[in-house]
Each structure stands twice: as C-alpha cells, then as structure tokens.
Amino acid sequence: NIWKILVEQGQIVKKGETIAIIEAMKMELP
C-alpha cells in the first residue's frame, strides 16, 4: 500500500530523494 507521497507535481527533485513510501505488512519501503 502507498503510505505516503512526499512530492508534488512540478516539484524538482534530486537523485536518491525519497518520492513515496510503500507499506508492505510491517515494512516501510522508500
């Protein structure tokens, strides 16, 4: 499940920056 989205449309991001976090049971995967 998508837990959090950490960016917005039009936002400039750098390589390696966390875009979203997926939750799979008891793990949170960036």
PDB file of all heavy atoms in Angstrom:
ATOM      1  N   ASN A   1       0.839  -1.197   0.000  1.00  0.00           N
ATOM      2  CA  ASN A   1       0.000   0.000   0.000  1.00  0.00           C
ATOM      3  C   ASN A   1       0.874   1.247   0.000  1.00  0.00           C
ATOM      4  O   ASN A   1       1.898   1.287   0.694  1.00  0.00           O
ATOM      5  CB  ASN A   1      -0.907   0.039   1.233  1.00  0.00           C
ATOM      6  CG  ASN A   1      -2.014  -0.992   1.152  1.00  0.00           C
ATOM      7  OD1 ASN A   1      -2.372  -1.442   0.081  1.00  0.00           O
ATOM      8  ND2 ASN A   1      -2.555  -1.370   2.300  1.00  0.00           N
ATOM      9  N   ILE A   2       0.464   2.266  -0.746  1.00  0.00           N
ATOM     10  CA  ILE A   2       1.146   3.547  -0.670  1.00  0.00           C
ATOM     11  C   ILE A   2       0.790   4.191   0.670  1.00  0.00           C
ATOM     12  O   ILE A   2      -0.380   4.441   0.961  1.00  0.00           O
ATOM     13  CB  ILE A   2       0.713   4.487  -1.817  1.00  0.00           C
ATOM     14  CG1 ILE A   2       1.086   3.885  -3.170  1.00  0.00           C
ATOM     15  CG2 ILE A   2       1.353   5.860  -1.652  1.00  0.00           C
ATOM     16  CD1 ILE A   2       2.577   3.800  -3.420  1.00  0.00           C
ATOM     17  N   TRP A   3       1.790   4.419   1.498  1.00  0.00           N
ATOM     18  CA  TRP A   3       1.541   5.057   2.782  1.00  0.00           C
ATOM     19  C   TRP A   3       1.644   6.577   2.653  1.00  0.00           C
ATOM     20  O   TRP A   3       0.752   7.311   3.050  1.00  0.00           O
ATOM     21  CB  TRP A   3       2.531   4.536   3.835  1.00  0.00           C
ATOM     22  CG  TRP A   3       2.322   5.159   5.184  1.00  0.00           C
ATOM     23  CD1 TRP A   3       1.126   5.584   5.716  1.00  0.00           C
ATOM     24  CD2 TRP A   3       3.308   5.445   6.167  1.00  0.00           C
ATOM     25  NE1 TRP A   3       1.318   6.098   6.962  1.00  0.00           N
ATOM     26  CE2 TRP A   3       2.650   6.034   7.275  1.00  0.00           C
ATOM     27  CE3 TRP A   3       4.676   5.250   6.221  1.00  0.00           C
ATOM     28  CZ2 TRP A   3       3.342   6.429   8.410  1.00  0.00           C
ATOM     29  CZ3 TRP A   3       5.347   5.635   7.362  1.00  0.00           C
ATOM     30  CH2 TRP A   3       4.687   6.228   8.446  1.00  0.00           C
ATOM     31  N   LYS A   4       2.740   7.049   2.067  1.00  0.00           N
ATOM     32  CA  LYS A   4       2.937   8.492   1.936  1.00  0.00           C
ATOM     33  C   LYS A   4       3.495   8.818   0.558  1.00  0.00           C
ATOM     34  O   LYS A   4       4.305   8.066   0.004  1.00  0.00           O
ATOM     35  CB  LYS A   4       3.923   9.010   2.987  1.00  0.00           C
ATOM     36  CG  LYS A   4       3.397   9.028   4.408  1.00  0.00           C
ATOM     37  CD  LYS A   4       4.452   9.598   5.354  1.00  0.00           C
ATOM     38  CE  LYS A   4       3.934   9.652   6.788  1.00  0.00           C
ATOM     39  NZ  LYS A   4       4.961  10.193   7.714  1.00  0.00           N
ATOM     40  N   ILE A   5       3.067   9.954   0.015  1.00  0.00           N
ATOM     41  CA  ILE A   5       3.681  10.532  -1.171  1.00  0.00           C
ATOM     42  C   ILE A   5       4.348  11.833  -0.731  1.00  0.00           C
ATOM     43  O   ILE A   5       3.693  12.701  -0.143  1.00  0.00           O
ATOM     44  CB  ILE A   5       2.635  10.801  -2.267  1.00  0.00           C
ATOM     45  CG1 ILE A   5       1.973   9.482  -2.677  1.00  0.00           C
ATOM     46  CG2 ILE A   5       3.281  11.485  -3.473  1.00  0.00           C
ATOM     47  CD1 ILE A   5       0.792   9.664  -3.582  1.00  0.00           C
ATOM     48  N   LEU A   6       5.626  11.959  -1.000  1.00  0.00           N
ATOM     49  CA  LEU A   6       6.414  13.039  -0.425  1.00  0.00           C
ATOM     50  C   LEU A   6       6.750  14.139  -1.422  1.00  0.00           C
ATOM     51  O   LEU A   6       7.524  15.047  -1.103  1.00  0.00           O
ATOM     52  CB  LEU A   6       7.705  12.469   0.170  1.00  0.00           C
ATOM     53  CG  LEU A   6       7.498  11.380   1.235  1.00  0.00           C
ATOM     54  CD1 LEU A   6       8.834  10.816   1.690  1.00  0.00           C
ATOM     55  CD2 LEU A   6       6.727  11.929   2.427  1.00  0.00           C
ATOM     56  N   VAL A   7       6.178  14.075  -2.630  1.00  0.00           N
ATOM     57  CA  VAL A   7       6.440  15.104  -3.641  1.00  0.00           C
ATOM     58  C   VAL A   7       5.120  15.592  -4.223  1.00  0.00           C
ATOM     59  O   VAL A   7       4.062  14.981  -4.010  1.00  0.00           O
ATOM     60  CB  VAL A   7       7.346  14.560  -4.765  1.00  0.00           C
ATOM     61  CG1 VAL A   7       8.724  14.214  -4.234  1.00  0.00           C
ATOM     62  CG2 VAL A   7       6.701  13.348  -5.443  1.00  0.00           C
ATOM     63  N   GLU A   8       5.195  16.677  -4.972  1.00  0.00           N
ATOM     64  CA  GLU A   8       4.035  17.222  -5.664  1.00  0.00           C
ATOM     65  C   GLU A   8       4.350  17.358  -7.149  1.00  0.00           C
ATOM     66  O   GLU A   8       5.524  17.412  -7.540  1.00  0.00           O
ATOM     67  CB  GLU A   8       3.671  18.600  -5.095  1.00  0.00           C
ATOM     68  CG  GLU A   8       3.283  18.589  -3.630  1.00  0.00           C
ATOM     69  CD  GLU A   8       3.019  19.987  -3.106  1.00  0.00           C
ATOM     70  OE1 GLU A   8       3.309  20.960  -3.847  1.00  0.00           O
ATOM     71  OE2 GLU A   8       2.515  20.110  -1.973  1.00  0.00           O
ATOM     72  N   GLN A   9       3.309  17.420  -7.969  1.00  0.00           N
ATOM     73  CA  GLN A   9       3.506  17.620  -9.402  1.00  0.00           C
ATOM     74  C   GLN A   9       4.212  18.955  -9.633  1.00  0.00           C
ATOM     75  O   GLN A   9       3.873  19.974  -9.033  1.00  0.00           O
ATOM     76  CB  GLN A   9       2.165  17.600 -10.123  1.00  0.00           C
ATOM     77  CG  GLN A   9       2.295  17.635 -11.638  1.00  0.00           C
ATOM     78  CD  GLN A   9       0.967  17.385 -12.325  1.00  0.00           C
ATOM     79  OE1 GLN A   9       0.026  16.885 -11.706  1.00  0.00           O
ATOM     80  NE2 GLN A   9       0.883  17.722 -13.606  1.00  0.00           N
ATOM     81  N   GLY A  10       5.235  18.923 -10.511  1.00  0.00           N
ATOM     82  CA  GLY A  10       6.011  20.119 -10.806  1.00  0.00           C
ATOM     83  C   GLY A  10       7.212  20.318  -9.904  1.00  0.00           C
ATOM     84  O   GLY A  10       8.040  21.201 -10.145  1.00  0.00           O
ATOM     85  N   GLN A  11       7.349  19.487  -8.866  1.00  0.00           N
ATOM     86  CA  GLN A  11       8.461  19.639  -7.925  1.00  0.00           C
ATOM     87  C   GLN A  11       9.762  19.137  -8.539  1.00  0.00           C
ATOM     88  O   GLN A  11       9.787  18.114  -9.219  1.00  0.00           O
ATOM     89  CB  GLN A  11       8.150  18.858  -6.647  1.00  0.00           C
ATOM     90  CG  GLN A  11       9.217  18.972  -5.570  1.00  0.00           C
ATOM     91  CD  GLN A  11       8.794  18.277  -4.280  1.00  0.00           C
ATOM     92  OE1 GLN A  11       7.601  18.120  -4.005  1.00  0.00           O
ATOM     93  NE2 GLN A  11       9.770  17.860  -3.494  1.00  0.00           N
ATOM     94  N   ILE A  12      10.839  19.865  -8.311  1.00  0.00           N
ATOM     95  CA  ILE A  12      12.169  19.447  -8.757  1.00  0.00           C
ATOM     96  C   ILE A  12      12.797  18.601  -7.657  1.00  0.00           C
ATOM     97  O   ILE A  12      12.807  18.999  -6.490  1.00  0.00           O
ATOM     98  CB  ILE A  12      13.050  20.664  -9.070  1.00  0.00           C
ATOM     99  CG1 ILE A  12      12.444  21.471 -10.228  1.00  0.00           C
ATOM    100  CG2 ILE A  12      14.475  20.238  -9.408  1.00  0.00           C
ATOM    101  CD1 ILE A  12      13.145  22.784 -10.486  1.00  0.00           C
ATOM    102  N   VAL A  13      13.296  17.424  -8.027  1.00  0.00           N
ATOM    103  CA  VAL A  13      13.872  16.516  -7.040  1.00  0.00           C
ATOM    104  C   VAL A  13      15.271  16.105  -7.471  1.00  0.00           C
ATOM    105  O   VAL A  13      15.626  16.186  -8.650  1.00  0.00           O
ATOM    106  CB  VAL A  13      12.999  15.257  -6.841  1.00  0.00           C
ATOM    107  CG1 VAL A  13      11.625  15.631  -6.307  1.00  0.00           C
ATOM    108  CG2 VAL A  13      12.876  14.473  -8.136  1.00  0.00           C
ATOM    109  N   LYS A  14      16.052  15.673  -6.518  1.00  0.00           N
ATOM    110  CA  LYS A  14      17.414  15.215  -6.759  1.00  0.00           C
ATOM    111  C   LYS A  14      17.471  13.694  -6.769  1.00  0.00           C
ATOM    112  O   LYS A  14      16.656  13.022  -6.133  1.00  0.00           O
ATOM    113  CB  LYS A  14      18.351  15.756  -5.676  1.00  0.00           C
ATOM    114  CG  LYS A  14      18.444  17.274  -5.623  1.00  0.00           C
ATOM    115  CD  LYS A  14      19.115  17.822  -6.870  1.00  0.00           C
ATOM    116  CE  LYS A  14      19.303  19.335  -6.768  1.00  0.00           C
ATOM    117  NZ  LYS A  14      19.941  19.885  -7.997  1.00  0.00           N
ATOM    118  N   LYS A  15      18.453  13.148  -7.455  1.00  0.00           N
ATOM    119  CA  LYS A  15      18.658  11.711  -7.480  1.00  0.00           C
ATOM    120  C   LYS A  15      18.824  11.175  -6.057  1.00  0.00           C
ATOM    121  O   LYS A  15      19.560  11.741  -5.253  1.00  0.00           O
ATOM    122  CB  LYS A  15      19.906  11.375  -8.302  1.00  0.00           C
ATOM    123  CG  LYS A  15      20.214   9.892  -8.385  1.00  0.00           C
ATOM    124  CD  LYS A  15      21.442   9.623  -9.237  1.00  0.00           C
ATOM    125  CE  LYS A  15      21.764   8.144  -9.311  1.00  0.00           C
ATOM    126  NZ  LYS A  15      22.952   7.865 -10.145  1.00  0.00           N
ATOM    127  N   GLY A  16      18.114  10.100  -5.755  1.00  0.00           N
ATOM    128  CA  GLY A  16      18.183   9.498  -4.433  1.00  0.00           C
ATOM    129  C   GLY A  16      17.177  10.046  -3.441  1.00  0.00           C
ATOM    130  O   GLY A  16      17.030   9.505  -2.332  1.00  0.00           O
ATOM    131  N   GLU A  17      16.467  11.105  -3.804  1.00  0.00           N
ATOM    132  CA  GLU A  17      15.464  11.675  -2.906  1.00  0.00           C
ATOM    133  C   GLU A  17      14.263  10.731  -2.804  1.00  0.00           C
ATOM    134  O   GLU A  17      13.861  10.103  -3.794  1.00  0.00           O
ATOM    135  CB  GLU A  17      15.031  13.039  -3.437  1.00  0.00           C
ATOM    136  CG  GLU A  17      14.148  13.833  -2.480  1.00  0.00           C
ATOM    137  CD  GLU A  17      13.891  15.243  -2.979  1.00  0.00           C
ATOM    138  OE1 GLU A  17      14.696  15.739  -3.797  1.00  0.00           O
ATOM    139  OE2 GLU A  17      12.894  15.837  -2.557  1.00  0.00           O
ATOM    140  N   THR A  18      13.682  10.626  -1.615  1.00  0.00           N
ATOM    141  CA  THR A  18      12.533   9.746  -1.415  1.00  0.00           C
ATOM    142  C   THR A  18      11.284  10.377  -2.026  1.00  0.00           C
ATOM    143  O   THR A  18      10.913  11.494  -1.674  1.00  0.00           O
ATOM    144  CB  THR A  18      12.294   9.457   0.074  1.00  0.00           C
ATOM    145  OG1 THR A  18      13.480   8.865   0.625  1.00  0.00           O
ATOM    146  CG2 THR A  18      11.129   8.494   0.259  1.00  0.00           C
ATOM    147  N   ILE A  19      10.656   9.640  -2.933  1.00  0.00           N
ATOM    148  CA  ILE A  19       9.465  10.118  -3.627  1.00  0.00           C
ATOM    149  C   ILE A  19       8.186   9.677  -2.904  1.00  0.00           C
ATOM    150  O   ILE A  19       7.229  10.426  -2.773  1.00  0.00           O
ATOM    151  CB  ILE A  19       9.449   9.580  -5.081  1.00  0.00           C
ATOM    152  CG1 ILE A  19      10.696  10.044  -5.828  1.00  0.00           C
ATOM    153  CG2 ILE A  19       8.180  10.003  -5.806  1.00  0.00           C
ATOM    154  CD1 ILE A  19      10.826  11.535  -5.962  1.00  0.00           C
ATOM    155  N   ALA A  20       8.175   8.418  -2.467  1.00  0.00           N
ATOM    156  CA  ALA A  20       6.999   7.849  -1.804  1.00  0.00           C
ATOM    157  C   ALA A  20       7.450   6.718  -0.896  1.00  0.00           C
ATOM    158  O   ALA A  20       8.602   6.259  -0.964  1.00  0.00           O
ATOM    159  CB  ALA A  20       5.990   7.343  -2.837  1.00  0.00           C
ATOM    160  N   ILE A  21       6.542   6.271  -0.030  1.00  0.00           N
ATOM    161  CA  ILE A  21       6.825   5.138   0.864  1.00  0.00           C
ATOM    162  C   ILE A  21       5.723   4.102   0.690  1.00  0.00           C
ATOM    163  O   ILE A  21       4.536   4.411   0.792  1.00  0.00           O
ATOM    164  CB  ILE A  21       6.903   5.588   2.336  1.00  0.00           C
ATOM    165  CG1 ILE A  21       8.050   6.589   2.525  1.00  0.00           C
ATOM    166  CG2 ILE A  21       7.098   4.382   3.257  1.00  0.00           C
ATOM    167  CD1 ILE A  21       8.132   7.178   3.913  1.00  0.00           C
ATOM    168  N   ILE A  22       6.144   2.886   0.384  1.00  0.00           N
ATOM    169  CA  ILE A  22       5.219   1.758   0.260  1.00  0.00           C
ATOM    170  C   ILE A  22       5.237   0.971   1.567  1.00  0.00           C
ATOM    171  O   ILE A  22       6.297   0.689   2.120  1.00  0.00           O
ATOM    172  CB  ILE A  22       5.622   0.833  -0.902  1.00  0.00           C
ATOM    173  CG1 ILE A  22       5.546   1.592  -2.230  1.00  0.00           C
ATOM    174  CG2 ILE A  22       4.726  -0.404  -0.949  1.00  0.00           C
ATOM    175  CD1 ILE A  22       6.054   0.783  -3.410  1.00  0.00           C
ATOM    176  N   GLU A  23       4.059   0.612   2.039  1.00  0.00           N
ATOM    177  CA  GLU A  23       3.933  -0.225   3.228  1.00  0.00           C
ATOM    178  C   GLU A  23       3.513  -1.617   2.798  1.00  0.00           C
ATOM    179  O   GLU A  23       2.497  -1.789   2.122  1.00  0.00           O
ATOM    180  CB  GLU A  23       2.894   0.369   4.174  1.00  0.00           C
ATOM    181  CG  GLU A  23       2.648  -0.465   5.417  1.00  0.00           C
ATOM    182  CD  GLU A  23       1.491   0.077   6.227  1.00  0.00           C
ATOM    183  OE1 GLU A  23       0.346  -0.024   5.753  1.00  0.00           O
ATOM    184  OE2 GLU A  23       1.720   0.603   7.319  1.00  0.00           O
ATOM    185  N   ALA A  24       4.332  -2.602   3.143  1.00  0.00           N
ATOM    186  CA  ALA A  24       4.005  -3.996   2.863  1.00  0.00           C
ATOM    187  C   ALA A  24       4.061  -4.753   4.180  1.00  0.00           C
ATOM    188  O   ALA A  24       5.135  -5.035   4.693  1.00  0.00           O
ATOM    189  CB  ALA A  24       4.972  -4.586   1.845  1.00  0.00           C
ATOM    190  N   MET A  25       2.899  -5.037   4.744  1.00  0.00           N
ATOM    191  CA  MET A  25       2.776  -5.633   6.073  1.00  0.00           C
ATOM    192  C   MET A  25       3.536  -4.769   7.080  1.00  0.00           C
ATOM    193  O   MET A  25       3.203  -3.629   7.274  1.00  0.00           O
ATOM    194  CB  MET A  25       3.253  -7.088   6.053  1.00  0.00           C
ATOM    195  CG  MET A  25       2.472  -7.955   5.067  1.00  0.00           C
ATOM    196  SD  MET A  25       0.690  -7.994   5.368  1.00  0.00           S
ATOM    197  CE  MET A  25       0.608  -9.282   6.591  1.00  0.00           C
ATOM    198  N   LYS A  26       4.589  -5.280   7.685  1.00  0.00           N
ATOM    199  CA  LYS A  26       5.249  -4.496   8.727  1.00  0.00           C
ATOM    200  C   LYS A  26       6.517  -3.807   8.243  1.00  0.00           C
ATOM    201  O   LYS A  26       7.359  -3.407   9.044  1.00  0.00           O
ATOM    202  CB  LYS A  26       5.563  -5.378   9.931  1.00  0.00           C
ATOM    203  CG  LYS A  26       6.222  -6.701   9.585  1.00  0.00           C
ATOM    204  CD  LYS A  26       6.283  -7.596  10.783  1.00  0.00           C
ATOM    205  CE  LYS A  26       6.823  -8.968  10.444  1.00  0.00           C
ATOM    206  NZ  LYS A  26       5.895  -9.727   9.579  1.00  0.00           N
ATOM    207  N   MET A  27       6.667  -3.658   6.907  1.00  0.00           N
ATOM    208  CA  MET A  27       7.850  -2.986   6.369  1.00  0.00           C
ATOM    209  C   MET A  27       7.435  -1.713   5.656  1.00  0.00           C
ATOM    210  O   MET A  27       6.373  -1.642   5.048  1.00  0.00           O
ATOM    211  CB  MET A  27       8.593  -3.898   5.386  1.00  0.00           C
ATOM    212  CG  MET A  27       9.146  -5.169   6.014  1.00  0.00           C
ATOM    213  SD  MET A  27      10.042  -6.170   4.808  1.00  0.00           S
ATOM    214  CE  MET A  27       8.702  -6.708   3.745  1.00  0.00           C
ATOM    215  N   GLU A  28       8.291  -0.697   5.742  1.00  0.00           N
ATOM    216  CA  GLU A  28       8.101   0.543   5.013  1.00  0.00           C
ATOM    217  C   GLU A  28       9.245   0.690   4.020  1.00  0.00           C
ATOM    218  O   GLU A  28      10.412   0.725   4.407  1.00  0.00           O
ATOM    219  CB  GLU A  28       8.056   1.730   5.980  1.00  0.00           C
ATOM    220  CG  GLU A  28       6.838   1.676   6.895  1.00  0.00           C
ATOM    221  CD  GLU A  28       6.897   2.690   8.017  1.00  0.00           C
ATOM    222  OE1 GLU A  28       7.800   3.551   7.994  1.00  0.00           O
ATOM    223  OE2 GLU A  28       6.044   2.626   8.921  1.00  0.00           O
ATOM    224  N   LEU A  29       8.901   0.750   2.733  1.00  0.00           N
ATOM    225  CA  LEU A  29       9.898   0.688   1.671  1.00  0.00           C
ATOM    226  C   LEU A  29       9.888   1.991   0.874  1.00  0.00           C
ATOM    227  O   LEU A  29       8.907   2.298   0.197  1.00  0.00           O
ATOM    228  CB  LEU A  29       9.591  -0.481   0.743  1.00  0.00           C
ATOM    229  CG  LEU A  29       9.469  -1.832   1.463  1.00  0.00           C
ATOM    230  CD1 LEU A  29       8.805  -2.855   0.572  1.00  0.00           C
ATOM    231  CD2 LEU A  29      10.839  -2.317   1.893  1.00  0.00           C
ATOM    232  N   PRO A  30      10.968   2.768   0.926  1.00  0.00           N
ATOM    233  CA  PRO A  30      11.007   4.029   0.186  1.00  0.00           C
ATOM    234  C   PRO A  30      11.199   3.809  -1.311  1.00  0.00           C
ATOM    235  O   PRO A  30      11.867   2.865  -1.737  1.00  0.00           O
ATOM    236  CB  PRO A  30      12.210   4.758   0.801  1.00  0.00           C
ATOM    237  CG  PRO A  30      13.064   3.681   1.362  1.00  0.00           C
ATOM    238  CD  PRO A  30      12.151   2.558   1.763  1.00  0.00           C
TER     239      PRO A  30
END
